[in-house]
N, C-alpha and C. Protein backbone atom coordinates (compact mmCIF):
# COMPACT_ATOMS: atom_id res chain seq x y z
N MET A 1 24.57 19.23 -18.42
CA MET A 1 24.57 19.13 -16.92
C MET A 1 23.00 18.84 -16.69
N GLU A 2 22.23 19.44 -17.74
CA GLU A 2 20.86 19.10 -17.56
C GLU A 2 20.59 17.42 -17.73
N ASN A 3 21.33 17.04 -18.47
CA ASN A 3 21.05 15.52 -18.64
C ASN A 3 21.55 14.92 -17.44
N ILE A 4 22.61 15.12 -17.12
CA ILE A 4 23.03 14.53 -15.64
C ILE A 4 22.10 14.72 -14.77
N ALA A 5 21.55 15.92 -14.87
CA ALA A 5 20.83 15.79 -13.51
C ALA A 5 19.51 15.06 -13.64
N ASN A 6 19.17 14.87 -15.00
CA ASN A 6 17.94 13.96 -15.05
C ASN A 6 18.00 12.78 -15.03
N GLU A 7 19.35 12.23 -15.13
CA GLU A 7 19.85 11.02 -15.17
C GLU A 7 19.80 10.68 -13.67
N GLN A 8 20.14 11.31 -12.66
CA GLN A 8 20.35 11.56 -11.00
C GLN A 8 19.04 11.05 -10.42
N LYS A 9 17.99 11.95 -11.28
CA LYS A 9 16.55 12.22 -10.60
C LYS A 9 15.86 10.74 -11.24
N GLU A 10 16.15 10.19 -12.26
CA GLU A 10 15.61 9.00 -12.48
C GLU A 10 16.35 7.90 -11.59
N LEU A 11 17.48 7.86 -11.09
CA LEU A 11 18.19 6.82 -10.17
C LEU A 11 17.00 7.03 -8.71
N LYS A 12 16.93 8.25 -8.47
CA LYS A 12 16.18 8.50 -7.18
C LYS A 12 14.75 7.85 -7.27
N LYS A 13 14.23 6.70 -7.92
CA LYS A 13 12.98 6.12 -8.03
C LYS A 13 13.07 4.54 -7.80
N ILE A 14 12.39 3.94 -6.84
CA ILE A 14 12.32 2.67 -6.83
C ILE A 14 11.58 1.94 -8.23
N ARG A 15 12.54 1.33 -8.60
CA ARG A 15 11.88 0.31 -9.95
C ARG A 15 11.40 -0.98 -9.61
N PHE A 16 10.24 -1.32 -10.04
CA PHE A 16 9.88 -2.56 -9.90
C PHE A 16 9.96 -3.33 -10.94
N ILE A 17 11.20 -4.15 -11.11
CA ILE A 17 11.64 -4.81 -12.41
C ILE A 17 11.87 -6.23 -11.96
N ASN A 18 12.62 -6.43 -11.12
CA ASN A 18 12.83 -8.11 -10.70
C ASN A 18 11.86 -8.55 -9.71
N VAL A 19 10.62 -9.14 -9.66
CA VAL A 19 9.78 -9.14 -8.66
C VAL A 19 9.52 -10.70 -8.76
N LYS A 20 9.26 -10.97 -7.34
CA LYS A 20 9.08 -12.42 -7.22
C LYS A 20 8.39 -12.85 -5.78
N PHE A 21 7.11 -13.62 -6.14
CA PHE A 21 6.30 -14.03 -4.89
C PHE A 21 7.13 -14.68 -3.94
N ILE A 22 7.10 -14.78 -2.79
CA ILE A 22 8.36 -15.50 -1.98
C ILE A 22 6.88 -16.50 -0.98
N LYS A 23 6.04 -15.96 -0.22
CA LYS A 23 5.25 -16.93 0.60
C LYS A 23 4.18 -16.04 0.65
N SER A 24 3.30 -16.86 1.40
CA SER A 24 1.99 -16.32 2.36
C SER A 24 2.45 -16.68 3.79
N ALA A 25 1.93 -15.78 4.80
CA ALA A 25 2.03 -16.51 6.19
C ALA A 25 0.91 -15.99 6.94
N SER A 26 0.55 -16.77 7.78
CA SER A 26 -0.70 -16.77 8.62
C SER A 26 -0.55 -16.35 9.90
N LYS A 27 0.71 -16.51 10.55
CA LYS A 27 0.84 -15.95 11.77
C LYS A 27 2.41 -15.69 11.85
N LYS A 28 2.40 -15.14 13.10
CA LYS A 28 3.75 -14.56 13.55
C LYS A 28 5.22 -15.53 13.41
N ALA A 29 4.87 -16.63 13.84
CA ALA A 29 6.20 -17.70 13.13
C ALA A 29 6.28 -17.81 12.16
N GLU A 30 5.40 -17.46 10.74
CA GLU A 30 6.05 -17.64 9.68
C GLU A 30 6.21 -16.07 8.68
N PHE A 31 6.18 -15.11 9.47
CA PHE A 31 6.54 -14.04 8.89
C PHE A 31 8.25 -13.90 8.70
N ILE A 32 8.45 -13.23 7.72
CA ILE A 32 9.63 -13.03 7.01
C ILE A 32 10.45 -12.00 8.03
N ALA A 33 11.70 -12.48 8.43
CA ALA A 33 12.41 -11.65 9.16
C ALA A 33 13.79 -11.62 8.85
N ASP A 34 14.35 -11.43 7.60
CA ASP A 34 15.60 -11.10 7.13
C ASP A 34 15.98 -9.98 6.84
N GLU A 35 17.38 -9.72 6.31
CA GLU A 35 17.78 -8.26 6.24
C GLU A 35 17.42 -7.52 5.35
N LEU A 36 16.18 -7.95 4.51
CA LEU A 36 15.73 -6.80 3.55
C LEU A 36 14.56 -6.13 3.93
N GLN A 37 14.37 -4.47 3.77
CA GLN A 37 13.59 -3.73 4.09
C GLN A 37 12.11 -4.19 3.61
N GLN A 38 11.11 -3.75 4.23
CA GLN A 38 9.62 -4.10 3.79
C GLN A 38 8.70 -2.74 3.49
N VAL A 39 8.03 -2.49 2.68
CA VAL A 39 7.10 -1.79 2.65
C VAL A 39 5.53 -2.73 2.53
N ALA A 40 4.84 -2.33 3.33
CA ALA A 40 3.52 -2.75 3.64
C ALA A 40 2.28 -2.04 2.85
N ILE A 41 1.37 -2.83 2.25
CA ILE A 41 0.18 -2.28 1.59
C ILE A 41 -1.37 -2.53 2.56
N VAL A 42 -1.90 -1.63 2.97
CA VAL A 42 -3.33 -1.97 3.74
C VAL A 42 -4.39 -1.19 3.42
N GLY A 43 -5.41 -1.54 3.76
CA GLY A 43 -6.93 -0.84 3.16
C GLY A 43 -8.06 -1.57 3.28
N ARG A 44 -9.13 -0.94 3.18
CA ARG A 44 -10.14 -1.79 3.33
C ARG A 44 -10.26 -2.73 2.48
N SER A 45 -10.97 -3.99 2.70
CA SER A 45 -11.34 -4.86 1.49
C SER A 45 -11.97 -4.89 0.58
N ASN A 46 -11.33 -4.88 -0.88
CA ASN A 46 -12.06 -4.51 -2.23
C ASN A 46 -11.28 -3.31 -2.64
N VAL A 47 -10.66 -2.71 -1.93
CA VAL A 47 -10.22 -1.07 -2.11
C VAL A 47 -9.20 -1.38 -3.27
N GLY A 48 -8.75 -2.57 -3.58
CA GLY A 48 -7.76 -2.62 -4.81
C GLY A 48 -6.38 -2.86 -4.52
N LYS A 49 -5.98 -3.68 -3.46
CA LYS A 49 -4.86 -3.87 -2.79
C LYS A 49 -3.74 -4.51 -4.14
N SER A 50 -4.54 -5.75 -4.27
CA SER A 50 -3.84 -6.50 -5.51
C SER A 50 -3.85 -6.08 -6.67
N SER A 51 -4.46 -5.17 -6.96
CA SER A 51 -4.62 -4.57 -8.44
C SER A 51 -3.43 -3.26 -8.54
N LEU A 52 -3.19 -2.74 -7.36
CA LEU A 52 -2.08 -1.69 -7.03
C LEU A 52 -0.82 -2.62 -7.23
N ILE A 53 -0.60 -3.76 -6.62
CA ILE A 53 0.36 -4.43 -6.92
C ILE A 53 0.73 -4.88 -8.05
N ASN A 54 -0.20 -5.53 -8.76
CA ASN A 54 -0.24 -5.71 -10.45
C ASN A 54 0.14 -4.59 -11.27
N LEU A 55 -0.03 -3.55 -10.85
CA LEU A 55 0.07 -2.27 -11.47
C LEU A 55 1.36 -1.56 -11.28
N LEU A 56 2.18 -2.13 -10.04
CA LEU A 56 3.39 -1.59 -9.62
C LEU A 56 4.37 -2.21 -10.46
N VAL A 57 4.33 -3.86 -10.58
CA VAL A 57 5.06 -4.60 -10.99
C VAL A 57 4.68 -4.98 -12.60
N ASN A 58 3.72 -4.27 -13.09
CA ASN A 58 3.38 -4.37 -14.40
C ASN A 58 3.37 -5.78 -15.05
N ASN A 59 2.29 -6.58 -13.84
CA ASN A 59 2.31 -7.90 -14.15
C ASN A 59 0.97 -8.24 -13.45
N SER A 60 -0.14 -8.34 -14.28
CA SER A 60 -1.82 -8.62 -14.03
C SER A 60 -1.86 -9.94 -13.47
N LYS A 61 -0.90 -10.75 -13.38
CA LYS A 61 -1.38 -12.11 -12.57
C LYS A 61 -0.35 -12.46 -11.44
N MET A 62 0.33 -11.45 -11.11
CA MET A 62 1.21 -11.29 -9.81
C MET A 62 0.40 -11.87 -8.60
N ALA A 63 -0.10 -10.71 -8.53
CA ALA A 63 -1.16 -10.64 -7.20
C ALA A 63 -2.61 -11.06 -7.81
N LYS A 64 -3.25 -12.05 -7.03
CA LYS A 64 -4.82 -12.62 -7.02
C LYS A 64 -5.71 -11.71 -6.89
N THR A 65 -6.50 -11.16 -7.94
CA THR A 65 -7.61 -10.30 -7.47
C THR A 65 -8.86 -10.85 -7.44
N SER A 66 -9.80 -10.43 -6.59
CA SER A 66 -10.99 -11.09 -6.41
C SER A 66 -12.25 -9.89 -6.22
N SER A 67 -13.38 -10.57 -6.79
CA SER A 67 -14.63 -9.18 -6.67
C SER A 67 -15.30 -9.53 -5.41
N THR A 68 -14.62 -10.58 -4.44
CA THR A 68 -15.29 -11.03 -3.42
C THR A 68 -14.71 -10.16 -2.02
N PRO A 69 -15.15 -9.28 -1.36
CA PRO A 69 -14.32 -8.66 -0.42
C PRO A 69 -13.79 -9.62 0.73
N GLY A 70 -12.90 -9.06 1.34
CA GLY A 70 -12.58 -10.09 2.69
C GLY A 70 -11.72 -11.48 2.37
N ARG A 71 -11.42 -11.54 1.16
CA ARG A 71 -11.01 -12.91 0.35
C ARG A 71 -9.53 -13.25 1.05
N THR A 72 -8.48 -12.19 0.96
CA THR A 72 -7.14 -11.98 1.26
C THR A 72 -6.95 -11.88 2.86
N ARG A 73 -6.69 -13.00 3.41
CA ARG A 73 -6.57 -13.10 4.98
C ARG A 73 -5.11 -13.70 5.32
N LEU A 74 -4.08 -13.30 4.28
CA LEU A 74 -2.82 -13.54 4.60
C LEU A 74 -2.09 -12.82 4.43
N VAL A 75 -0.78 -12.75 5.24
CA VAL A 75 0.19 -11.87 4.63
C VAL A 75 1.17 -12.06 3.67
N ASN A 76 0.98 -11.69 2.44
CA ASN A 76 1.90 -11.91 1.11
C ASN A 76 3.11 -11.07 0.89
N TYR A 77 4.02 -11.79 0.72
CA TYR A 77 5.50 -11.15 0.67
C TYR A 77 5.90 -11.15 -0.94
N PHE A 78 6.07 -10.14 -1.41
CA PHE A 78 7.16 -10.10 -2.91
C PHE A 78 8.01 -9.50 -2.71
N ASN A 79 9.01 -10.18 -3.42
CA ASN A 79 10.40 -9.53 -3.31
C ASN A 79 10.69 -8.79 -4.63
N ILE A 80 11.29 -7.56 -4.39
CA ILE A 80 11.34 -6.72 -5.23
C ILE A 80 12.89 -6.25 -5.34
N ASN A 81 13.26 -6.71 -6.40
CA ASN A 81 14.75 -6.47 -7.05
C ASN A 81 15.73 -7.16 -6.10
N ASN A 82 15.46 -7.81 -5.13
CA ASN A 82 16.19 -8.17 -3.91
C ASN A 82 16.40 -7.11 -3.21
N GLN A 83 15.70 -6.26 -3.23
CA GLN A 83 15.95 -4.75 -2.20
C GLN A 83 14.92 -4.49 -1.24
N PHE A 84 13.79 -5.27 -1.50
CA PHE A 84 13.03 -5.12 -0.11
C PHE A 84 11.73 -5.91 -0.80
N TYR A 85 10.92 -6.06 0.30
CA TYR A 85 9.60 -6.64 0.47
C TYR A 85 8.49 -6.01 0.12
N LEU A 86 7.65 -6.12 -0.70
CA LEU A 86 6.49 -5.38 -0.72
C LEU A 86 5.51 -6.29 -0.24
N VAL A 87 4.86 -6.01 1.15
CA VAL A 87 3.96 -7.03 1.92
C VAL A 87 2.50 -6.51 1.72
N ASP A 88 1.71 -7.53 1.44
CA ASP A 88 0.27 -7.30 1.06
C ASP A 88 -0.32 -7.91 2.36
N LEU A 89 -1.29 -6.87 3.16
CA LEU A 89 -1.73 -7.53 4.37
C LEU A 89 -3.00 -7.75 4.19
N PRO A 90 -3.77 -8.38 5.02
CA PRO A 90 -5.38 -8.42 4.99
C PRO A 90 -5.98 -7.32 5.08
N GLY A 91 -7.31 -7.02 4.11
CA GLY A 91 -7.98 -5.97 3.89
C GLY A 91 -8.90 -6.15 5.19
N TYR A 92 -9.33 -4.75 5.90
CA TYR A 92 -10.34 -4.59 6.65
C TYR A 92 -11.69 -4.28 6.22
N GLY A 93 -12.61 -4.41 7.14
CA GLY A 93 -13.44 -3.53 6.85
C GLY A 93 -14.93 -4.33 6.69
N TYR A 94 -14.83 -5.66 6.25
CA TYR A 94 -15.56 -6.28 5.80
C TYR A 94 -15.92 -7.68 6.90
N HIS A 95 -17.10 -7.60 7.45
CA HIS A 95 -17.58 -8.79 8.44
C HIS A 95 -18.34 -9.82 7.67
N LYS A 96 -18.40 -10.03 6.59
CA LYS A 96 -19.11 -11.09 5.93
C LYS A 96 -18.53 -12.47 6.87
N ALA A 97 -17.37 -12.49 6.71
CA ALA A 97 -16.56 -13.57 7.15
C ALA A 97 -16.67 -13.71 8.58
N GLY A 98 -17.41 -12.95 9.41
CA GLY A 98 -17.67 -13.02 10.64
C GLY A 98 -16.64 -12.54 11.79
N LYS A 99 -16.87 -12.50 13.13
CA LYS A 99 -16.15 -11.90 14.32
C LYS A 99 -14.91 -12.65 14.25
N GLU A 100 -14.74 -13.96 14.09
CA GLU A 100 -13.63 -14.66 14.20
C GLU A 100 -12.66 -14.12 13.10
N HIS A 101 -12.80 -13.68 11.87
CA HIS A 101 -12.24 -13.11 11.16
C HIS A 101 -11.43 -12.00 11.53
N THR A 102 -12.39 -10.77 11.76
CA THR A 102 -12.07 -9.53 12.42
C THR A 102 -11.03 -9.79 13.68
N THR A 103 -11.19 -10.77 14.21
CA THR A 103 -9.98 -10.90 15.35
C THR A 103 -8.57 -11.21 15.02
N VAL A 104 -8.83 -12.27 13.96
CA VAL A 104 -7.86 -13.20 13.44
C VAL A 104 -6.80 -11.86 12.55
N TRP A 105 -7.53 -10.91 12.04
CA TRP A 105 -6.99 -9.61 11.27
C TRP A 105 -6.30 -8.82 12.35
N ASP A 106 -6.88 -8.52 13.52
CA ASP A 106 -6.06 -7.60 14.67
C ASP A 106 -5.08 -8.41 15.02
N ASN A 107 -5.35 -9.76 15.63
CA ASN A 107 -4.11 -10.16 16.10
C ASN A 107 -2.80 -10.21 15.21
N THR A 108 -3.31 -10.73 13.92
CA THR A 108 -2.14 -10.89 12.88
C THR A 108 -1.44 -9.22 12.40
N MET A 109 -2.21 -8.27 12.37
CA MET A 109 -1.78 -7.02 12.23
C MET A 109 -1.02 -6.37 13.20
N ASN A 110 -1.44 -6.62 14.63
CA ASN A 110 -0.44 -6.20 15.73
C ASN A 110 0.84 -6.78 15.74
N ASP A 111 0.86 -8.25 15.38
CA ASP A 111 1.98 -9.29 15.35
C ASP A 111 2.88 -8.39 14.19
N TYR A 112 2.31 -8.22 13.28
CA TYR A 112 3.17 -7.79 12.14
C TYR A 112 3.86 -6.34 12.20
N PHE A 113 3.11 -5.57 12.79
CA PHE A 113 3.52 -4.04 13.07
C PHE A 113 4.53 -3.75 14.27
N THR A 114 4.06 -4.71 15.38
CA THR A 114 4.61 -4.84 16.74
C THR A 114 6.57 -5.08 16.49
N ASP A 115 6.92 -4.03 16.72
CA ASP A 115 8.69 -4.04 16.83
C ASP A 115 9.49 -4.47 15.36
N ASN A 116 8.72 -4.39 14.38
CA ASN A 116 8.97 -4.78 12.69
C ASN A 116 10.20 -3.44 12.50
N GLN A 117 11.30 -3.83 12.82
CA GLN A 117 12.32 -2.89 12.68
C GLN A 117 12.61 -2.86 11.22
N LYS A 118 11.99 -3.63 10.33
CA LYS A 118 12.42 -3.76 8.91
C LYS A 118 11.44 -2.94 7.72
N LEU A 119 9.93 -2.90 8.46
CA LEU A 119 9.43 -2.07 8.13
C LEU A 119 9.46 -0.47 7.87
N LYS A 120 9.49 -0.04 6.41
CA LYS A 120 10.06 1.33 6.28
C LYS A 120 8.84 2.43 6.09
N ALA A 121 7.74 1.89 5.17
CA ALA A 121 6.67 2.73 5.15
C ALA A 121 5.50 1.91 4.92
N VAL A 122 4.27 2.65 4.76
CA VAL A 122 3.06 2.10 4.61
C VAL A 122 2.17 2.51 3.42
N MET A 123 1.78 1.98 2.48
CA MET A 123 0.96 2.37 1.81
C MET A 123 -0.83 2.27 2.14
N LEU A 124 -1.17 3.40 2.04
CA LEU A 124 -2.53 3.19 2.99
C LEU A 124 -3.87 3.03 1.79
N LEU A 125 -4.36 2.37 1.20
CA LEU A 125 -5.07 2.53 0.25
C LEU A 125 -6.61 3.15 0.44
N LEU A 126 -6.93 4.17 -0.32
CA LEU A 126 -8.42 4.60 0.03
C LEU A 126 -8.97 4.51 -1.42
N ASP A 127 -10.21 4.45 -1.16
CA ASP A 127 -11.51 4.37 -2.87
C ASP A 127 -11.19 6.15 -2.97
N ALA A 128 -10.95 6.37 -4.09
CA ALA A 128 -11.18 7.78 -4.59
C ALA A 128 -12.63 8.28 -4.62
N ARG A 129 -13.20 7.57 -4.65
CA ARG A 129 -14.87 7.80 -4.76
C ARG A 129 -15.50 8.30 -3.65
N LEU A 130 -14.79 7.60 -2.41
CA LEU A 130 -15.67 7.72 -1.16
C LEU A 130 -14.62 8.40 -0.05
N LYS A 131 -15.37 8.81 0.90
CA LYS A 131 -14.91 9.61 1.89
C LYS A 131 -13.93 8.74 2.98
N PRO A 132 -12.97 8.69 3.48
CA PRO A 132 -12.24 7.72 4.63
C PRO A 132 -13.46 7.36 5.61
N THR A 133 -13.42 5.86 5.65
CA THR A 133 -14.12 5.79 7.03
C THR A 133 -13.30 6.00 8.17
N GLU A 134 -14.29 5.39 9.26
CA GLU A 134 -13.57 5.33 10.57
C GLU A 134 -12.35 4.38 10.62
N LEU A 135 -12.51 3.35 10.15
CA LEU A 135 -11.54 2.47 10.06
C LEU A 135 -10.34 2.91 9.36
N ASP A 136 -10.64 3.69 8.51
CA ASP A 136 -9.20 4.31 7.61
C ASP A 136 -8.59 5.14 8.70
N LYS A 137 -9.34 5.88 9.33
CA LYS A 137 -8.74 7.32 10.14
C LYS A 137 -8.35 6.23 11.60
N GLN A 138 -8.72 5.13 11.78
CA GLN A 138 -8.04 4.63 12.95
C GLN A 138 -7.00 3.68 12.72
N MET A 139 -6.97 3.28 11.08
CA MET A 139 -5.87 2.48 10.81
C MET A 139 -4.79 3.70 10.49
N LEU A 140 -4.88 4.83 10.18
CA LEU A 140 -3.79 6.04 10.14
C LEU A 140 -3.26 6.63 11.32
N ASP A 141 -4.11 6.67 12.34
CA ASP A 141 -3.94 6.76 13.53
C ASP A 141 -3.02 5.91 14.27
N TYR A 142 -3.45 4.41 14.19
CA TYR A 142 -2.43 3.40 14.58
C TYR A 142 -1.06 3.47 13.97
N LEU A 143 -1.03 3.87 12.66
CA LEU A 143 0.23 3.84 12.26
C LEU A 143 1.21 4.75 12.72
N ALA A 144 0.49 6.20 12.85
CA ALA A 144 1.08 7.24 13.44
C ALA A 144 1.62 7.22 14.80
N GLU A 145 0.83 6.33 15.90
CA GLU A 145 1.33 5.97 17.17
C GLU A 145 2.53 5.32 17.14
N ARG A 146 2.82 4.63 15.94
CA ARG A 146 4.01 3.88 16.08
C ARG A 146 5.16 4.35 15.01
N ASP A 147 4.90 5.55 14.90
CA ASP A 147 5.77 6.51 14.17
C ASP A 147 6.18 5.51 12.63
N ILE A 148 5.22 5.43 12.05
CA ILE A 148 5.52 4.44 10.68
C ILE A 148 4.96 5.68 9.53
N PRO A 149 5.96 5.77 8.61
CA PRO A 149 5.99 6.69 7.48
C PRO A 149 4.41 5.87 6.69
N VAL A 150 3.58 6.91 6.20
CA VAL A 150 2.40 6.53 5.36
C VAL A 150 2.62 7.26 4.06
N VAL A 151 2.02 6.59 3.19
CA VAL A 151 1.54 7.21 1.84
C VAL A 151 0.19 6.86 1.50
N LEU A 152 -0.74 7.50 1.34
CA LEU A 152 -1.98 7.60 0.74
C LEU A 152 -2.05 7.32 -0.75
N VAL A 153 -2.61 6.19 -0.97
CA VAL A 153 -2.83 6.30 -2.42
C VAL A 153 -4.37 5.85 -2.87
N LEU A 154 -4.78 6.81 -3.41
CA LEU A 154 -6.24 6.77 -3.85
C LEU A 154 -6.38 5.64 -5.13
N THR A 155 -7.28 4.83 -4.79
CA THR A 155 -7.26 3.82 -6.07
C THR A 155 -8.83 4.24 -7.02
N LYS A 156 -8.87 3.40 -8.03
CA LYS A 156 -10.04 3.45 -8.79
C LYS A 156 -10.20 4.89 -9.26
N THR A 157 -9.25 5.78 -9.74
CA THR A 157 -9.32 7.23 -10.23
C THR A 157 -9.87 7.34 -11.48
N ASP A 158 -10.00 6.15 -12.58
CA ASP A 158 -10.40 6.26 -13.62
C ASP A 158 -12.07 6.51 -13.61
N LYS A 159 -12.47 6.30 -12.37
CA LYS A 159 -14.06 6.48 -12.42
C LYS A 159 -14.45 7.66 -12.02
N ILE A 160 -13.50 8.80 -11.66
CA ILE A 160 -14.17 9.94 -11.57
C ILE A 160 -13.00 11.04 -12.28
N SER A 161 -13.58 12.30 -12.54
CA SER A 161 -12.89 13.42 -13.53
C SER A 161 -11.62 13.86 -12.54
N ARG A 162 -10.48 14.58 -13.45
CA ARG A 162 -9.32 14.96 -13.22
C ARG A 162 -9.54 16.17 -11.92
N SER A 163 -10.74 16.65 -12.20
CA SER A 163 -10.91 17.71 -11.16
C SER A 163 -11.32 17.35 -10.00
N GLU A 164 -12.56 16.08 -9.78
CA GLU A 164 -12.82 15.49 -8.79
C GLU A 164 -11.76 14.61 -7.86
N ILE A 165 -10.84 14.37 -8.66
CA ILE A 165 -9.45 13.76 -8.07
C ILE A 165 -8.77 14.78 -7.26
N ASN A 166 -8.44 15.79 -7.89
CA ASN A 166 -7.47 17.16 -7.36
C ASN A 166 -8.45 17.62 -6.02
N LEU A 167 -9.96 17.43 -6.06
CA LEU A 167 -10.78 17.93 -4.94
C LEU A 167 -10.55 16.95 -3.96
N GLN A 168 -11.02 15.64 -4.28
CA GLN A 168 -10.50 14.48 -3.10
C GLN A 168 -9.30 14.33 -2.58
N LYS A 169 -8.40 14.98 -3.22
CA LYS A 169 -7.05 15.35 -2.44
C LYS A 169 -7.12 16.26 -1.64
N GLN A 170 -7.54 17.48 -1.95
CA GLN A 170 -7.43 18.54 -0.85
C GLN A 170 -8.56 17.95 0.41
N LYS A 171 -9.72 17.45 0.19
CA LYS A 171 -10.76 17.30 1.15
C LYS A 171 -9.82 16.07 2.09
N ILE A 172 -9.13 15.14 1.56
CA ILE A 172 -8.60 14.01 2.51
C ILE A 172 -7.20 14.64 3.14
N SER A 173 -6.69 15.27 2.68
CA SER A 173 -5.48 16.31 2.98
C SER A 173 -6.11 17.32 4.36
N THR A 174 -7.23 17.87 4.06
CA THR A 174 -7.75 18.52 4.95
C THR A 174 -8.12 17.84 6.36
N GLU A 175 -9.21 16.94 5.92
CA GLU A 175 -9.92 16.10 6.81
C GLU A 175 -8.96 15.33 7.83
N LEU A 176 -7.98 14.48 7.18
CA LEU A 176 -7.02 13.88 7.80
C LEU A 176 -5.66 14.56 8.35
N ARG A 177 -5.75 15.95 8.18
CA ARG A 177 -4.54 16.69 8.42
C ARG A 177 -3.20 15.67 7.77
N PHE A 178 -3.36 15.58 6.63
CA PHE A 178 -1.91 14.68 6.20
C PHE A 178 -1.45 15.31 4.96
N ASN A 179 -0.31 15.11 4.83
CA ASN A 179 0.55 16.15 3.69
C ASN A 179 0.19 15.60 2.40
N LYS A 180 -0.49 16.61 1.45
CA LYS A 180 -1.19 16.42 0.42
C LYS A 180 0.18 15.82 -0.61
N SER A 181 1.37 16.21 -0.29
CA SER A 181 2.29 15.61 -1.61
C SER A 181 2.52 14.17 -1.28
N ARG A 182 2.13 13.47 -0.23
CA ARG A 182 1.98 12.28 -0.12
C ARG A 182 0.60 11.47 -0.16
N ILE A 183 -0.07 12.08 -0.94
CA ILE A 183 -1.39 11.49 -1.39
C ILE A 183 -1.45 11.33 -2.79
N VAL A 184 -1.35 10.02 -3.25
CA VAL A 184 -1.14 9.69 -4.85
C VAL A 184 -2.45 9.03 -5.46
N ALA A 185 -2.57 9.46 -6.53
CA ALA A 185 -3.49 8.91 -7.34
C ALA A 185 -3.28 7.88 -8.32
N THR A 186 -3.84 6.65 -8.29
CA THR A 186 -3.72 5.90 -9.09
C THR A 186 -4.75 5.28 -9.98
N SER A 187 -4.54 4.79 -11.24
CA SER A 187 -5.56 4.01 -12.01
C SER A 187 -4.93 2.70 -12.43
N THR A 188 -5.30 1.54 -12.40
CA THR A 188 -4.73 0.43 -12.94
C THR A 188 -5.31 0.45 -14.71
N LEU A 189 -6.52 1.06 -14.64
CA LEU A 189 -7.03 1.04 -16.10
C LEU A 189 -6.09 1.92 -16.87
N LYS A 190 -5.49 3.03 -16.42
CA LYS A 190 -4.71 3.92 -17.11
C LYS A 190 -3.31 3.84 -17.01
N LYS A 191 -3.16 3.09 -16.13
CA LYS A 191 -1.79 2.64 -15.64
C LYS A 191 -0.70 3.95 -15.11
N GLN A 192 -1.81 4.64 -14.26
CA GLN A 192 -1.22 5.67 -13.70
C GLN A 192 -0.53 5.77 -12.38
N GLY A 193 0.29 6.72 -11.73
CA GLY A 193 0.80 6.63 -10.35
C GLY A 193 1.69 5.98 -10.01
N VAL A 194 2.16 4.98 -10.81
CA VAL A 194 3.26 4.19 -10.48
C VAL A 194 4.67 5.01 -10.31
N GLU A 195 5.02 6.40 -11.33
CA GLU A 195 6.25 6.92 -11.03
C GLU A 195 6.23 7.42 -9.62
N ASP A 196 5.08 8.31 -9.50
CA ASP A 196 4.64 9.13 -8.08
C ASP A 196 4.93 8.09 -6.93
N ILE A 197 4.49 6.76 -6.79
CA ILE A 197 4.74 6.03 -5.83
C ILE A 197 6.38 5.77 -5.54
N SER A 198 6.73 5.30 -6.94
CA SER A 198 8.24 5.10 -6.71
C SER A 198 9.24 5.99 -6.22
N GLN A 199 8.91 7.29 -6.51
CA GLN A 199 9.84 8.33 -6.09
C GLN A 199 9.62 8.68 -4.82
N ILE A 200 8.25 8.33 -4.41
CA ILE A 200 8.19 8.74 -2.49
C ILE A 200 8.50 7.31 -1.85
N LEU A 201 8.80 6.38 -2.26
CA LEU A 201 9.15 5.21 -1.77
C LEU A 201 10.85 5.20 -1.43
N GLU A 202 11.23 5.86 -2.40
CA GLU A 202 12.58 5.84 -2.67
C GLU A 202 13.41 6.69 -1.44
N GLU A 203 12.52 7.53 -0.73
CA GLU A 203 12.63 8.27 0.50
C GLU A 203 13.15 7.53 1.81
N PHE A 204 12.28 6.37 1.95
CA PHE A 204 12.35 5.35 2.72
C PHE A 204 13.01 3.96 2.73
N ILE A 205 13.45 3.72 1.40
CA ILE A 205 14.24 2.46 0.89
C ILE A 205 15.56 3.01 0.74
N ASN A 206 16.45 2.45 1.41
CA ASN A 206 17.87 2.57 1.59
C ASN A 206 18.40 2.05 0.26
């Protein structure tokens, strides 16, 4: 009976096995709107969105990483197991690209989130070493207003101790009034956090 229970538990996790990059989109007319569900990734520029995607799919070359903040300005779609799309959205909070880039981000994001019936959850990334910024809080409020489920993903946790990670989780949970069970610590260097994310996303993907 224990083995059966374990097998059932294993089935209740999203598996990132058959992964394929589909396309990049720069405007609403180019967004994918087929039958597959979607999980989006958002966060400040240079918080590690591309690195998280590569960690999840176990392929260091799937999503292009850059040391230059604000480089990703497109909506990138990755097909996961022909089950759902993992959607990488442009980073926010870096203004070297200029006010025009900020406006494009706002318009693109509003278009993406508005009436997106296929969007089932959003992973909002936070740097584990830093306090959530006002932009992070605004993003969380924006998603809450639209009743979109959120998973907070702490990145770069290999740069701090385990006790600091736990303390940071508690601080973020208290400050943002967010369910601690949906705050996941990840590390691309140590390849940690994939199982926790997989288990949480299973709740939202049919």
